[in-house]
Amino acid sequence: MLFLVRMDVNIPHDLPEAQANEIKAREKAYAQELQRDGRWRHLWRVVGEYANYSVFDVASNDELHALLSQLPLFPYMKIHVTPLAQHPSAIA
């Protein structure tokens, strides 16, 4: 199942820089692991914002929820999920 996911990140300004950097490093490692195994198919930055659009390919809503809730930045995110279906005019 494919899902388009928008993630907006809002790290509190009073979070110590070292702690924020450690969380971001864990986030990067986890995101790259999911990309390598094929579940995080695409990851694009939104220009001028601390946000991204991503495409996930997972077996179920529950799997997606589990993956997203394990993101180290999850407590600082607003997430919007859109399920995707094949368009009849698509050639791929």
N, C-alpha and C. Protein backbone atom coordinates (compact mmCIF):
# COMPACT_ATOMS: atom_id res chain seq x y z
N MET A 1 0.84 -1.17 0.00
CA MET A 1 0.00 0.00 0.00
C MET A 1 0.89 1.24 0.00
N LEU A 2 0.53 2.20 -0.83
CA LEU A 2 1.31 3.44 -0.92
C LEU A 2 0.61 4.56 -0.14
N PHE A 3 1.43 5.35 0.53
CA PHE A 3 0.93 6.48 1.30
C PHE A 3 1.82 7.69 1.04
N LEU A 4 1.18 8.83 0.80
CA LEU A 4 1.88 10.11 0.75
C LEU A 4 1.80 10.70 2.15
N VAL A 5 2.96 11.06 2.71
CA VAL A 5 3.01 11.55 4.08
C VAL A 5 3.73 12.89 4.10
N ARG A 6 3.07 13.89 4.68
CA ARG A 6 3.72 15.18 4.91
C ARG A 6 4.07 15.25 6.39
N MET A 7 5.33 15.59 6.65
CA MET A 7 5.81 15.73 8.03
C MET A 7 6.32 17.15 8.22
N ASP A 8 5.72 17.86 9.16
CA ASP A 8 6.17 19.20 9.55
C ASP A 8 6.82 19.08 10.92
N VAL A 9 8.06 19.53 11.02
CA VAL A 9 8.83 19.39 12.26
C VAL A 9 8.87 20.72 12.98
N ASN A 10 8.66 20.67 14.30
CA ASN A 10 8.74 21.86 15.13
C ASN A 10 9.47 21.51 16.43
N ILE A 11 10.80 21.58 16.37
CA ILE A 11 11.61 21.30 17.56
C ILE A 11 11.55 22.52 18.47
N PRO A 12 11.25 22.32 19.75
CA PRO A 12 11.18 23.46 20.66
C PRO A 12 12.50 24.23 20.72
N HIS A 13 12.42 25.54 20.77
CA HIS A 13 13.62 26.37 20.79
C HIS A 13 14.42 26.18 22.08
N ASP A 14 13.77 25.72 23.15
CA ASP A 14 14.48 25.55 24.41
C ASP A 14 15.08 24.15 24.58
N LEU A 15 14.94 23.29 23.56
CA LEU A 15 15.58 21.99 23.61
C LEU A 15 17.08 22.19 23.45
N PRO A 16 17.90 21.67 24.36
CA PRO A 16 19.35 21.86 24.23
C PRO A 16 19.86 21.39 22.86
N GLU A 17 20.78 22.16 22.30
CA GLU A 17 21.29 21.88 20.95
C GLU A 17 21.87 20.48 20.84
N ALA A 18 22.61 20.04 21.84
CA ALA A 18 23.21 18.70 21.79
C ALA A 18 22.13 17.62 21.74
N GLN A 19 21.06 17.80 22.49
CA GLN A 19 19.96 16.84 22.48
C GLN A 19 19.25 16.85 21.13
N ALA A 20 19.02 18.03 20.58
CA ALA A 20 18.38 18.14 19.26
C ALA A 20 19.24 17.47 18.19
N ASN A 21 20.55 17.69 18.24
CA ASN A 21 21.45 17.09 17.25
C ASN A 21 21.46 15.57 17.36
N GLU A 22 21.39 15.04 18.59
CA GLU A 22 21.38 13.60 18.79
C GLU A 22 20.09 12.99 18.24
N ILE A 23 18.97 13.66 18.46
CA ILE A 23 17.68 13.19 17.93
C ILE A 23 17.71 13.20 16.40
N LYS A 24 18.24 14.28 15.82
CA LYS A 24 18.31 14.37 14.34
C LYS A 24 19.22 13.30 13.76
N ALA A 25 20.30 12.96 14.44
CA ALA A 25 21.20 11.90 13.95
C ALA A 25 20.50 10.55 13.97
N ARG A 26 19.74 10.26 15.04
CA ARG A 26 18.98 9.01 15.10
C ARG A 26 17.88 8.98 14.03
N GLU A 27 17.25 10.14 13.80
CA GLU A 27 16.22 10.26 12.77
C GLU A 27 16.79 9.92 11.39
N LYS A 28 17.96 10.49 11.09
CA LYS A 28 18.59 10.25 9.79
C LYS A 28 18.92 8.77 9.61
N ALA A 29 19.49 8.15 10.63
CA ALA A 29 19.85 6.73 10.53
C ALA A 29 18.61 5.86 10.32
N TYR A 30 17.55 6.14 11.05
CA TYR A 30 16.31 5.37 10.93
C TYR A 30 15.67 5.57 9.56
N ALA A 31 15.62 6.81 9.09
CA ALA A 31 15.04 7.11 7.78
C ALA A 31 15.83 6.40 6.67
N GLN A 32 17.14 6.40 6.77
CA GLN A 32 17.95 5.75 5.74
C GLN A 32 17.78 4.23 5.78
N GLU A 33 17.62 3.67 6.97
CA GLU A 33 17.36 2.23 7.09
C GLU A 33 16.05 1.86 6.39
N LEU A 34 15.00 2.67 6.60
CA LEU A 34 13.71 2.40 5.96
C LEU A 34 13.77 2.61 4.45
N GLN A 35 14.59 3.55 4.01
CA GLN A 35 14.76 3.75 2.56
C GLN A 35 15.49 2.55 1.94
N ARG A 36 16.51 2.07 2.62
CA ARG A 36 17.27 0.92 2.09
C ARG A 36 16.41 -0.33 1.99
N ASP A 37 15.49 -0.52 2.95
CA ASP A 37 14.67 -1.75 2.88
C ASP A 37 13.43 -1.58 2.00
N GLY A 38 13.25 -0.37 1.41
CA GLY A 38 12.20 -0.16 0.43
C GLY A 38 10.87 0.33 0.96
N ARG A 39 10.74 0.46 2.26
CA ARG A 39 9.45 0.92 2.79
C ARG A 39 9.29 2.43 2.71
N TRP A 40 10.40 3.17 2.74
CA TRP A 40 10.35 4.65 2.58
C TRP A 40 10.86 4.90 1.17
N ARG A 41 9.94 4.93 0.20
CA ARG A 41 10.31 4.94 -1.22
C ARG A 41 10.88 6.26 -1.68
N HIS A 42 10.31 7.38 -1.21
CA HIS A 42 10.74 8.70 -1.67
C HIS A 42 10.74 9.66 -0.48
N LEU A 43 11.67 10.60 -0.51
CA LEU A 43 11.77 11.61 0.54
C LEU A 43 12.19 12.93 -0.10
N TRP A 44 11.31 13.93 -0.01
CA TRP A 44 11.58 15.24 -0.59
C TRP A 44 11.42 16.32 0.47
N ARG A 45 12.34 17.25 0.49
CA ARG A 45 12.25 18.41 1.36
C ARG A 45 11.28 19.43 0.76
N VAL A 46 10.54 20.14 1.61
CA VAL A 46 9.70 21.24 1.18
C VAL A 46 10.55 22.50 1.26
N VAL A 47 10.74 23.17 0.15
CA VAL A 47 11.62 24.34 0.09
C VAL A 47 11.15 25.41 1.07
N GLY A 48 12.08 25.91 1.87
CA GLY A 48 11.80 27.01 2.79
C GLY A 48 11.08 26.61 4.07
N GLU A 49 10.88 25.32 4.29
CA GLU A 49 10.19 24.85 5.49
C GLU A 49 10.97 23.70 6.12
N TYR A 50 10.76 23.48 7.41
CA TYR A 50 11.31 22.29 8.05
C TYR A 50 10.23 21.22 7.93
N ALA A 51 10.09 20.69 6.71
CA ALA A 51 9.03 19.75 6.38
C ALA A 51 9.47 18.88 5.22
N ASN A 52 8.79 17.75 5.05
CA ASN A 52 9.05 16.89 3.90
C ASN A 52 7.78 16.22 3.44
N TYR A 53 7.82 15.80 2.19
CA TYR A 53 6.82 14.89 1.62
C TYR A 53 7.53 13.58 1.36
N SER A 54 6.90 12.50 1.75
CA SER A 54 7.49 11.17 1.59
C SER A 54 6.45 10.22 1.04
N VAL A 55 6.91 9.19 0.36
CA VAL A 55 6.05 8.10 -0.09
C VAL A 55 6.53 6.83 0.61
N PHE A 56 5.59 6.19 1.31
CA PHE A 56 5.87 4.93 1.99
C PHE A 56 5.15 3.80 1.28
N ASP A 57 5.79 2.64 1.21
CA ASP A 57 5.20 1.43 0.63
C ASP A 57 5.21 0.37 1.72
N VAL A 58 4.05 0.19 2.36
CA VAL A 58 3.94 -0.72 3.50
C VAL A 58 2.73 -1.62 3.32
N ALA A 59 2.63 -2.64 4.15
CA ALA A 59 1.56 -3.63 4.01
C ALA A 59 0.22 -3.16 4.57
N SER A 60 0.25 -2.20 5.51
CA SER A 60 -1.01 -1.84 6.16
C SER A 60 -0.93 -0.46 6.82
N ASN A 61 -2.10 0.05 7.19
CA ASN A 61 -2.17 1.28 7.96
C ASN A 61 -1.41 1.12 9.27
N ASP A 62 -1.57 -0.03 9.90
CA ASP A 62 -0.91 -0.28 11.18
C ASP A 62 0.61 -0.26 11.05
N GLU A 63 1.13 -0.84 9.97
CA GLU A 63 2.58 -0.82 9.77
C GLU A 63 3.06 0.62 9.59
N LEU A 64 2.34 1.41 8.80
CA LEU A 64 2.75 2.81 8.62
C LEU A 64 2.74 3.54 9.96
N HIS A 65 1.67 3.35 10.74
CA HIS A 65 1.60 4.02 12.04
C HIS A 65 2.78 3.63 12.92
N ALA A 66 3.12 2.35 12.93
CA ALA A 66 4.26 1.88 13.74
C ALA A 66 5.56 2.53 13.28
N LEU A 67 5.78 2.59 11.97
CA LEU A 67 7.01 3.20 11.45
C LEU A 67 7.09 4.68 11.82
N LEU A 68 5.99 5.40 11.60
CA LEU A 68 5.99 6.83 11.88
C LEU A 68 6.16 7.12 13.36
N SER A 69 5.49 6.35 14.20
CA SER A 69 5.56 6.62 15.64
C SER A 69 6.92 6.28 16.22
N GLN A 70 7.74 5.53 15.49
CA GLN A 70 9.10 5.22 15.94
C GLN A 70 10.13 6.24 15.47
N LEU A 71 9.71 7.21 14.66
CA LEU A 71 10.64 8.26 14.24
C LEU A 71 11.10 9.04 15.48
N PRO A 72 12.40 9.23 15.66
CA PRO A 72 12.87 9.99 16.82
C PRO A 72 12.29 11.40 16.91
N LEU A 73 11.98 12.02 15.77
CA LEU A 73 11.39 13.37 15.79
C LEU A 73 9.86 13.34 15.91
N PHE A 74 9.26 12.16 16.00
CA PHE A 74 7.80 12.04 16.05
C PHE A 74 7.14 12.96 17.08
N PRO A 75 7.70 13.09 18.29
CA PRO A 75 7.05 13.97 19.27
C PRO A 75 7.00 15.44 18.84
N TYR A 76 7.82 15.80 17.86
CA TYR A 76 7.90 17.20 17.42
C TYR A 76 7.30 17.39 16.03
N MET A 77 6.52 16.43 15.57
CA MET A 77 5.97 16.47 14.21
C MET A 77 4.46 16.61 14.18
N LYS A 78 4.01 17.30 13.14
CA LYS A 78 2.61 17.23 12.71
C LYS A 78 2.66 16.41 11.43
N ILE A 79 1.87 15.35 11.36
CA ILE A 79 1.92 14.42 10.24
C ILE A 79 0.55 14.33 9.59
N HIS A 80 0.55 14.40 8.25
CA HIS A 80 -0.68 14.23 7.48
C HIS A 80 -0.45 13.07 6.51
N VAL A 81 -1.34 12.08 6.54
CA VAL A 81 -1.21 10.88 5.71
C VAL A 81 -2.33 10.83 4.68
N THR A 82 -1.95 10.56 3.42
CA THR A 82 -2.91 10.40 2.33
C THR A 82 -2.68 9.03 1.68
N PRO A 83 -3.65 8.11 1.74
CA PRO A 83 -3.52 6.84 1.03
C PRO A 83 -3.55 7.10 -0.48
N LEU A 84 -2.76 6.35 -1.23
CA LEU A 84 -2.68 6.52 -2.68
C LEU A 84 -3.19 5.27 -3.39
N ALA A 85 -3.79 5.50 -4.56
CA ALA A 85 -4.25 4.41 -5.42
C ALA A 85 -3.76 4.69 -6.85
N GLN A 86 -3.62 3.64 -7.62
CA GLN A 86 -3.18 3.78 -9.01
C GLN A 86 -4.17 4.62 -9.79
N HIS A 87 -3.67 5.56 -10.57
CA HIS A 87 -4.52 6.39 -11.42
C HIS A 87 -4.70 5.68 -12.76
N PRO A 88 -5.91 5.65 -13.31
CA PRO A 88 -6.15 4.91 -14.56
C PRO A 88 -5.41 5.48 -15.77
N SER A 89 -4.97 6.73 -15.70
CA SER A 89 -4.22 7.32 -16.82
C SER A 89 -2.70 7.18 -16.67
N ALA A 90 -2.25 6.64 -15.56
CA ALA A 90 -0.80 6.48 -15.34
C ALA A 90 -0.23 5.41 -16.24
N ILE A 91 0.95 5.66 -16.80
CA ILE A 91 1.58 4.66 -17.68
C ILE A 91 2.47 3.70 -16.90
N ALA A 92 2.79 4.04 -15.65
CA ALA A 92 3.65 3.15 -14.86
C ALA A 92 2.84 2.40 -13.82
